[in-house]
Amino acid sequence: MSVDNKSGNLVHKKIDFAHILEKVRVFAPATVANMICGFDVLGFAVDEPGDEVLMYRVAEPGVRIRAIKGDAGRLPLDPQKNTVSACVQMLLTDLGIENELGIEIELIKHMPIGSGLGSSSASTVAGLFAINSLLGNPLSKEELMPYCVEGERLACGHGHADNVAPALLGGITLIRGYAPLDMVRLPVPEELYAGIVFPQVDVPTRDARQLIKEKVALKDAVTQWGNIAGLVAGLFQNDYDLISRSMHDVIIEPTRAILIPEFYAMKQIALDNGALSFGISGSGPSVVAITRGQEVAQVVTEKIQQHLSANDIDSFKYVSSVNIDGPKVLPFNA
């Protein structure tokens, strides 16, 4: 699907104020960007962790942050600086109703910031999905996507879509191009699982991106192209052996792995215990084992956690199938 850049041409959308909801609660999932070999062009959503947004319609016009929970005070309450409120404000402005509607937002962070699991993406997607739901769903997901990408630009300085696209659309997504944004949803093999471990070390996204070389050797580029093509073919053919052979990163991983303690030891543990592949989730420090089946993912993550613990490194783990649905509205009092 091709998506035009955010253009401000949404004023033709007619909002029925009589049917705007008073409140809505939305969950949006974490994501594994890059899918090991597809830097900035591949990503998939998982069932957990994720973030929640509780959104309320209020009398006073404007967008405000009522509260943020689970962030240890790290995120700004200023609505102009918080990506969730800033993107909601942009959308309301483009709809031409920024002076007619009052919105207050509670952001609940269930996932760690700086984890490499698309923390800012999950929050932004939850916020935009929530405002669209509150308004009666006047916009398609494709129309919401440019605002999600803008949220990434605000959060980390680079408007990439390999986190926000799977978070919003669900499943596995290929970002074919950015001018205009062109996304392809890929098939999801039924037994494909992710075993994710988040070591408690700090790897800021901006720092991780600065380590990446601007030029790569042609032989490495050819290898990477073949791996991405092989992975896509493996997904279409439901061929786990081809998926395994293809999920290798010769360009980004060798540089970013330096920032993640025990990376190669964790990788060996994953492969020795049946993982199809192993690599870095997004910019790290989270790592991901791609497996065939839940049981293998459980074993791999447990053994990696044991190894990290023996080296005095705390960690969280998550085991999930690929989340094919993306964000969802939750019962408000659940």
Protein backbone atom coordinates (compact mmCIF):
# COMPACT_ATOMS: atom_id res chain seq x y z
CA MET A 1 0.00 0.00 0.00
CA SER A 2 1.31 3.43 -0.90
CA VAL A 3 0.72 6.24 1.59
CA ASP A 4 1.07 9.94 0.78
CA ASN A 5 3.02 12.12 3.18
CA LYS A 6 1.05 14.04 5.79
CA SER A 7 -0.37 16.88 3.73
CA GLY A 8 -3.02 18.53 5.87
CA ASN A 9 -5.72 17.65 3.35
CA LEU A 10 -8.04 15.98 5.84
CA VAL A 11 -10.43 18.89 6.33
CA HIS A 12 -12.84 17.21 3.94
CA LYS A 13 -13.40 14.54 6.60
CA LYS A 14 -16.65 15.34 8.33
CA ILE A 15 -16.63 14.70 12.06
CA ASP A 16 -20.02 14.06 13.66
CA PHE A 17 -19.63 15.68 17.06
CA ALA A 18 -22.88 14.09 18.26
CA HIS A 19 -21.26 10.66 18.04
CA ILE A 20 -17.83 11.39 19.49
CA LEU A 21 -17.10 9.06 22.41
CA GLU A 22 -16.48 10.41 25.89
CA LYS A 23 -13.50 8.15 26.54
CA VAL A 24 -11.57 5.27 25.02
CA ARG A 25 -8.80 2.89 26.10
CA VAL A 26 -6.35 1.52 23.53
CA PHE A 27 -3.44 -0.93 23.59
CA ALA A 28 -0.69 -0.86 20.95
CA PRO A 29 1.98 -3.55 20.69
CA ALA A 30 5.75 -3.56 20.90
CA THR A 31 7.61 -4.37 17.70
CA VAL A 32 10.80 -6.01 16.53
CA ALA A 33 12.27 -3.66 13.93
CA ASN A 34 14.69 -4.78 11.22
CA MET A 35 13.76 -8.47 11.65
CA ILE A 36 17.52 -9.09 11.87
CA CYS A 37 18.49 -8.69 8.19
CA GLY A 38 16.11 -5.92 7.07
CA PHE A 39 17.49 -2.69 8.51
CA ASP A 40 14.81 0.05 8.36
CA VAL A 41 12.66 -1.99 5.94
CA LEU A 42 11.29 -4.95 7.94
CA GLY A 43 9.51 -5.28 11.26
CA PHE A 44 6.84 -7.27 13.08
CA ALA A 45 4.48 -6.76 16.00
CA VAL A 46 4.33 -8.95 19.11
CA ASP A 47 1.56 -9.66 21.62
CA GLU A 48 3.51 -8.31 24.57
CA PRO A 49 4.73 -5.96 25.86
CA GLY A 50 2.95 -2.81 24.69
CA ASP A 51 1.58 0.54 25.83
CA GLU A 52 -1.87 1.86 26.72
CA VAL A 53 -3.50 5.22 26.15
CA LEU A 54 -6.61 6.32 28.01
CA MET A 55 -8.19 9.26 26.22
CA TYR A 56 -10.96 11.53 27.48
CA ARG A 57 -13.12 14.15 25.77
CA VAL A 58 -13.27 17.32 27.89
CA ALA A 59 -14.95 20.70 27.57
CA GLU A 60 -11.88 22.92 27.27
CA PRO A 61 -10.40 22.84 23.72
CA GLY A 62 -6.83 21.66 23.28
CA VAL A 63 -4.76 18.53 23.87
CA ARG A 64 -3.27 17.90 27.31
CA ILE A 65 -1.42 15.12 29.12
CA ARG A 66 -3.30 14.22 32.30
CA ALA A 67 -0.75 11.68 33.56
CA ILE A 68 2.04 9.33 32.51
CA LYS A 69 2.58 6.11 34.45
CA GLY A 70 5.40 3.60 34.25
CA ASP A 71 8.04 5.93 32.80
CA ALA A 72 9.84 6.82 36.06
CA GLY A 73 9.35 10.49 35.19
CA ARG A 74 11.40 10.32 31.99
CA LEU A 75 8.75 11.47 29.51
CA PRO A 76 7.60 15.08 29.11
CA LEU A 77 4.16 16.18 30.27
CA ASP A 78 4.36 19.22 27.97
CA PRO A 79 1.86 18.39 25.19
CA GLN A 80 4.09 20.04 22.59
CA LYS A 81 7.04 17.84 23.51
CA ASN A 82 5.31 14.52 24.14
CA THR A 83 5.02 12.53 20.90
CA VAL A 84 1.56 11.15 21.76
CA SER A 85 -0.10 14.52 22.39
CA ALA A 86 1.88 16.28 19.64
CA CYS A 87 0.73 13.78 17.01
CA VAL A 88 -2.87 13.92 18.22
CA GLN A 89 -2.68 17.72 17.99
CA MET A 90 -1.33 17.52 14.42
CA LEU A 91 -4.17 15.24 13.41
CA LEU A 92 -6.87 17.46 14.95
CA THR A 93 -5.31 20.50 13.24
CA ASP A 94 -5.38 18.79 9.86
CA LEU A 95 -9.00 17.82 10.47
CA GLY A 96 -9.74 21.48 11.21
CA ILE A 97 -11.22 20.81 14.65
CA GLU A 98 -8.32 21.73 16.96
CA ASN A 99 -10.35 24.60 18.45
CA GLU A 100 -13.56 22.60 18.80
CA LEU A 101 -12.45 19.59 20.78
CA GLY A 102 -10.81 19.11 24.18
CA ILE A 103 -8.69 15.99 24.76
CA GLU A 104 -6.91 14.74 27.87
CA ILE A 105 -4.54 11.77 27.73
CA GLU A 106 -3.23 9.22 30.21
CA LEU A 107 -0.24 7.25 28.93
CA ILE A 108 0.53 3.95 30.64
CA LYS A 109 3.96 2.54 29.79
CA HIS A 110 3.97 -1.23 30.12
CA MET A 111 7.21 -1.52 28.20
CA PRO A 112 10.67 -0.17 29.00
CA ILE A 113 11.95 3.00 27.36
CA GLY A 114 15.08 2.52 25.26
CA SER A 115 14.55 -1.22 24.96
CA GLY A 116 14.77 -1.57 21.18
CA LEU A 117 11.15 -2.73 21.15
CA GLY A 118 9.53 0.37 19.68
CA SER A 119 8.53 2.03 22.94
CA SER A 120 7.86 5.45 21.37
CA SER A 121 6.11 3.79 18.43
CA ALA A 122 3.70 1.86 20.63
CA SER A 123 2.76 5.02 22.53
CA THR A 124 2.30 7.11 19.38
CA VAL A 125 0.26 4.41 17.62
CA ALA A 126 -1.92 3.93 20.72
CA GLY A 127 -2.57 7.67 20.87
CA LEU A 128 -3.47 8.06 17.21
CA PHE A 129 -5.59 4.92 17.18
CA ALA A 130 -7.35 6.22 20.30
CA ILE A 131 -8.20 9.64 18.87
CA ASN A 132 -9.45 8.02 15.68
CA SER A 133 -11.63 5.65 17.71
CA LEU A 134 -12.91 8.52 19.85
CA LEU A 135 -13.93 10.39 16.69
CA GLY A 136 -15.80 7.40 15.27
CA ASN A 137 -12.99 6.05 13.05
CA PRO A 138 -13.12 8.65 10.25
CA LEU A 139 -9.59 7.76 9.08
CA SER A 140 -8.18 4.51 7.75
CA LYS A 141 -4.97 3.07 9.14
CA GLU A 142 -3.27 4.20 5.94
CA GLU A 143 -4.35 7.78 6.64
CA LEU A 144 -3.07 7.53 10.22
CA MET A 145 0.33 6.20 9.15
CA PRO A 146 2.04 9.52 8.20
CA TYR A 147 1.24 10.86 11.67
CA CYS A 148 2.77 7.75 13.22
CA VAL A 149 5.94 8.28 11.17
CA GLU A 150 6.03 11.92 12.26
CA GLY A 151 5.91 10.69 15.86
CA GLU A 152 9.06 8.66 15.21
CA ARG A 153 10.72 11.74 13.78
CA LEU A 154 9.85 13.69 16.92
CA ALA A 155 11.01 10.88 19.21
CA CYS A 156 14.35 9.99 17.69
CA GLY A 157 15.07 12.41 14.86
CA HIS A 158 14.51 9.90 12.07
CA GLY A 159 11.09 9.21 10.54
CA HIS A 160 11.45 5.50 9.86
CA ALA A 161 8.45 3.19 9.75
CA ASP A 162 9.80 -0.25 10.62
CA ASN A 163 8.35 0.07 14.14
CA VAL A 164 5.20 2.12 13.58
CA ALA A 165 4.04 0.22 10.49
CA PRO A 166 3.78 -3.20 12.19
CA ALA A 167 2.53 -1.58 15.41
CA LEU A 168 -0.36 0.02 13.50
CA LEU A 169 -1.03 -2.60 10.83
CA GLY A 170 -0.07 -5.71 12.77
CA GLY A 171 1.84 -8.67 11.39
CA ILE A 172 5.08 -8.45 9.42
CA THR A 173 5.59 -5.40 7.24
CA LEU A 174 8.04 -4.54 4.49
CA ILE A 175 8.77 -0.85 3.94
CA ARG A 176 9.46 -0.83 0.20
CA GLY A 177 10.12 2.90 0.05
CA TYR A 178 9.70 6.22 1.83
CA ALA A 179 8.99 8.70 -0.97
CA PRO A 180 6.08 8.07 -0.87
CA LEU A 181 5.77 5.66 2.03
CA ASP A 182 5.08 2.27 0.47
CA MET A 183 4.31 -0.69 2.75
CA VAL A 184 3.64 -4.37 2.08
CA ARG A 185 2.12 -6.76 4.61
CA LEU A 186 3.88 -10.12 4.43
CA PRO A 187 2.53 -13.57 5.28
CA VAL A 188 3.02 -14.80 8.85
CA PRO A 189 3.85 -18.50 9.23
CA GLU A 190 1.61 -19.95 11.91
CA GLU A 191 4.40 -21.40 14.08
CA LEU A 192 6.69 -18.36 13.96
CA TYR A 193 7.55 -17.13 17.46
CA ALA A 194 9.82 -14.54 18.99
CA GLY A 195 11.78 -15.06 22.19
CA ILE A 196 12.83 -11.60 23.35
CA VAL A 197 15.29 -10.77 26.11
CA PHE A 198 15.88 -7.20 27.27
CA PRO A 199 19.18 -6.92 29.17
CA GLN A 200 19.24 -4.06 31.66
CA VAL A 201 21.89 -2.03 29.85
CA ASP A 202 21.49 1.36 28.18
CA VAL A 203 21.81 1.68 24.39
CA PRO A 204 20.18 4.95 23.24
CA THR A 205 18.69 4.76 19.73
CA ARG A 206 20.49 7.89 18.55
CA ASP A 207 23.86 6.52 19.69
CA ALA A 208 23.23 3.16 18.04
CA ARG A 209 22.39 4.82 14.72
CA GLN A 210 25.51 6.98 14.83
CA LEU A 211 27.70 3.86 14.82
CA ILE A 212 26.34 2.68 11.50
CA LYS A 213 28.68 3.09 8.56
CA GLU A 214 27.48 5.33 5.71
CA LYS A 215 29.17 3.09 3.13
CA VAL A 216 29.29 -0.70 2.97
CA ALA A 217 31.29 -3.12 0.86
CA LEU A 218 29.50 -4.31 -2.27
CA LYS A 219 29.93 -7.96 -1.29
CA ASP A 220 28.19 -7.28 2.03
CA ALA A 221 25.38 -5.40 0.30
CA VAL A 222 24.85 -8.31 -2.11
CA THR A 223 24.75 -10.77 0.78
CA GLN A 224 22.23 -8.63 2.64
CA TRP A 225 20.01 -8.20 -0.43
CA GLY A 226 19.98 -11.96 -0.89
CA ASN A 227 19.08 -12.52 2.75
CA ILE A 228 16.18 -10.05 2.68
CA ALA A 229 14.84 -11.57 -0.53
CA GLY A 230 15.27 -15.08 0.88
CA LEU A 231 13.42 -14.14 4.07
CA VAL A 232 10.49 -12.67 2.15
CA ALA A 233 10.37 -15.77 -0.08
CA GLY A 234 10.51 -18.01 2.99
CA LEU A 235 7.57 -16.20 4.56
CA PHE A 236 5.49 -16.61 1.41
CA GLN A 237 6.44 -20.28 1.05
CA ASN A 238 6.07 -21.09 4.75
CA ASP A 239 9.61 -22.47 4.50
CA TYR A 240 11.25 -22.34 7.93
CA ASP A 241 14.59 -23.62 6.63
CA LEU A 242 14.77 -20.80 4.10
CA ILE A 243 13.74 -18.30 6.79
CA SER A 244 16.55 -19.59 9.00
CA ARG A 245 19.18 -19.46 6.25
CA SER A 246 18.17 -15.92 5.34
CA MET A 247 17.97 -14.20 8.72
CA HIS A 248 21.60 -13.10 8.99
CA ASP A 249 22.83 -9.52 9.20
CA VAL A 250 26.32 -8.77 7.88
CA ILE A 251 26.01 -4.96 7.88
CA ILE A 252 24.38 -3.62 11.07
CA GLU A 253 24.83 -6.39 13.65
CA PRO A 254 28.67 -6.46 13.68
CA THR A 255 28.70 -2.79 14.73
CA ARG A 256 25.75 -2.66 17.12
CA ALA A 257 26.65 -5.93 18.84
CA ILE A 258 29.62 -4.15 20.40
CA LEU A 259 27.18 -2.17 22.58
CA ILE A 260 25.40 -5.27 23.95
CA PRO A 261 27.27 -7.26 26.62
CA GLU A 262 27.38 -11.03 26.06
CA PHE A 263 25.74 -10.68 22.63
CA TYR A 264 27.62 -13.48 20.88
CA ALA A 265 27.31 -15.78 23.88
CA MET A 266 23.54 -15.22 23.83
CA LYS A 267 23.47 -15.87 20.10
CA GLN A 268 25.28 -19.18 20.51
CA ILE A 269 22.89 -20.23 23.27
CA ALA A 270 19.90 -19.46 21.04
CA LEU A 271 21.24 -21.36 18.04
CA ASP A 272 22.39 -24.32 20.17
CA ASN A 273 18.85 -24.62 21.55
CA GLY A 274 16.98 -24.69 18.26
CA ALA A 275 16.39 -21.06 17.28
CA LEU A 276 16.00 -20.39 13.57
CA SER A 277 17.95 -17.18 13.98
CA PHE A 278 19.07 -14.63 16.54
CA GLY A 279 19.82 -10.94 16.40
CA ILE A 280 19.22 -7.45 17.73
CA SER A 281 15.72 -6.02 18.06
CA GLY A 282 15.75 -2.52 16.59
CA SER A 283 18.73 -0.61 17.94
CA GLY A 284 18.99 -2.86 21.00
CA PRO A 285 19.79 -3.74 23.66
CA SER A 286 16.88 -6.20 23.35
CA VAL A 287 17.76 -9.32 21.43
CA VAL A 288 15.41 -11.70 19.70
CA ALA A 289 15.45 -15.39 18.91
CA ILE A 290 13.20 -16.32 16.01
CA THR A 291 11.87 -19.82 16.55
CA ARG A 292 9.51 -22.39 15.16
CA GLY A 293 7.08 -22.90 18.02
CA GLN A 294 6.52 -21.44 21.46
CA GLU A 295 8.37 -24.13 23.40
CA VAL A 296 11.70 -23.41 21.72
CA ALA A 297 11.28 -19.69 22.36
CA GLN A 298 10.59 -20.38 26.05
CA VAL A 299 13.68 -22.56 26.43
CA VAL A 300 15.95 -20.11 24.62
CA THR A 301 14.86 -17.06 26.62
CA GLU A 302 15.18 -18.92 29.93
CA LYS A 303 18.70 -20.10 29.12
CA ILE A 304 19.76 -16.64 27.95
CA GLN A 305 18.40 -15.11 31.16
CA GLN A 306 20.33 -17.66 33.19
CA HIS A 307 23.51 -16.75 31.33
CA LEU A 308 22.97 -13.03 31.86
CA SER A 309 22.21 -13.55 35.54
CA ALA A 310 25.46 -15.48 35.93
CA ASN A 311 27.20 -12.41 34.52
CA ASP A 312 25.38 -10.03 36.90
CA ILE A 313 23.07 -8.61 34.22
CA ASP A 314 19.35 -8.34 35.02
CA SER A 315 16.88 -8.82 32.20
CA PHE A 316 13.23 -9.11 31.18
CA LYS A 317 11.92 -11.73 28.77
CA TYR A 318 8.89 -11.95 26.51
CA VAL A 319 7.69 -14.88 24.40
CA SER A 320 5.16 -14.12 21.70
CA SER A 321 3.74 -15.17 18.39
CA VAL A 322 3.52 -12.48 15.72
CA ASN A 323 0.66 -10.09 16.56
CA ILE A 324 -1.35 -9.85 13.35
CA ASP A 325 -3.97 -7.36 14.63
CA GLY A 326 -1.98 -4.33 15.81
CA PRO A 327 -3.70 -1.89 18.21
CA LYS A 328 -7.02 -2.68 19.81
CA VAL A 329 -9.69 -0.97 21.89
CA LEU A 330 -9.92 -2.42 25.40
CA PRO A 331 -12.82 -2.41 27.85
CA PHE A 332 -12.34 0.75 29.89
CA ASN A 333 -12.85 -0.80 33.30
CA ALA A 334 -10.91 -4.01 32.67
